[in-house]
Amino acid sequence: MKVKIDIMKIFTTPPSTMFERVSLFLMLAITFIIFFSPLRFSKISPLEAALTAALPSLSISWGWIVLLRSLFRKKDFSIKEK
């Protein structure tokens, strides 16, 4: 049986469970540290380095949440067929 998933709903719904919130925060913190570490030794300003590290961290951590939702919460994000 094939399940149709509502792509817009899976991407735009904020984290609702405690597991999603904790995993989003941990993934965000870990990827920010990974991306910020090499930038702190460069000659760019600290604010620019933080913003440069924050953008990929946000996209990677949100992509991780979307992947986990598509794997484990298909029932919550499936399209109801008539």
Protein backbone atom coordinates (compact mmCIF):
# COMPACT_ATOMS: atom_id res chain seq x y z
CA MET A 1 0.00 0.00 0.00
CA LYS A 2 1.41 3.36 -1.04
CA VAL A 3 1.03 6.38 1.20
CA LYS A 4 0.85 9.92 -0.16
CA ILE A 5 2.55 12.43 2.11
CA ASP A 6 1.62 16.11 2.28
CA ILE A 7 4.99 17.71 1.52
CA MET A 8 3.97 21.26 2.49
CA LYS A 9 2.62 20.09 5.85
CA ILE A 10 5.74 18.04 6.65
CA PHE A 11 8.03 21.02 5.90
CA THR A 12 6.00 23.84 7.47
CA THR A 13 4.64 22.28 10.67
CA PRO A 14 6.70 23.33 13.71
CA PRO A 15 8.10 20.62 16.00
CA SER A 16 5.23 19.31 18.08
CA THR A 17 6.65 16.47 20.14
CA MET A 18 9.35 16.72 22.77
CA PHE A 19 11.52 14.29 20.76
CA GLU A 20 11.39 16.61 17.73
CA ARG A 21 12.22 19.67 19.82
CA VAL A 22 15.17 18.04 21.57
CA SER A 23 16.57 16.46 18.40
CA LEU A 24 16.20 19.78 16.52
CA PHE A 25 18.07 21.66 19.25
CA LEU A 26 20.84 19.05 19.52
CA MET A 27 21.32 18.84 15.78
CA LEU A 28 21.31 22.63 15.52
CA ALA A 29 23.91 22.98 18.28
CA ILE A 30 26.18 20.25 16.92
CA THR A 31 26.15 21.52 13.34
CA PHE A 32 26.63 25.12 14.47
CA ILE A 33 29.74 24.11 16.41
CA ILE A 34 31.04 22.16 13.41
CA PHE A 35 30.54 25.08 11.02
CA PHE A 36 31.66 27.81 13.44
CA SER A 37 34.90 26.16 14.59
CA PRO A 38 36.98 26.91 11.47
CA LEU A 39 35.49 30.41 11.12
CA ARG A 40 36.57 31.67 14.53
CA PHE A 41 40.21 31.56 13.43
CA SER A 42 39.56 33.56 10.26
CA LYS A 43 39.76 37.31 9.82
CA ILE A 44 36.01 37.89 9.45
CA SER A 45 34.00 39.51 12.23
CA PRO A 46 32.43 37.26 14.89
CA LEU A 47 28.89 38.33 13.88
CA GLU A 48 29.51 37.46 10.24
CA ALA A 49 31.05 34.13 11.27
CA ALA A 50 28.03 33.31 13.45
CA LEU A 51 25.60 34.16 10.65
CA THR A 52 27.65 32.17 8.15
CA ALA A 53 27.57 29.14 10.45
CA ALA A 54 23.89 29.56 11.38
CA LEU A 55 22.45 29.28 7.88
CA PRO A 56 23.72 25.78 7.05
CA SER A 57 23.04 24.67 10.63
CA LEU A 58 19.39 25.68 10.35
CA SER A 59 18.91 24.00 6.99
CA ILE A 60 20.63 20.76 7.99
CA SER A 61 18.81 20.44 11.33
CA TRP A 62 15.42 21.19 9.76
CA GLY A 63 16.17 18.66 7.00
CA TRP A 64 16.93 16.10 9.70
CA ILE A 65 13.53 16.72 11.30
CA VAL A 66 11.80 16.37 7.93
CA LEU A 67 13.64 13.10 7.28
CA LEU A 68 12.68 11.71 10.68
CA ARG A 69 9.06 12.76 10.15
CA SER A 70 8.92 11.11 6.74
CA LEU A 71 10.33 7.89 8.14
CA PHE A 72 8.55 7.55 11.47
CA ARG A 73 5.42 9.74 11.43
CA LYS A 74 3.88 8.97 8.05
CA LYS A 75 0.45 8.59 9.58
CA ASP A 76 0.44 12.18 10.87
CA PHE A 77 1.46 13.70 7.53
CA SER A 78 -0.40 11.51 5.06
CA ILE A 79 -3.02 12.86 2.67
CA LYS A 80 -6.54 11.61 3.27
CA GLU A 81 -7.89 10.14 0.05
CA LYS A 82 -11.58 10.14 -0.78
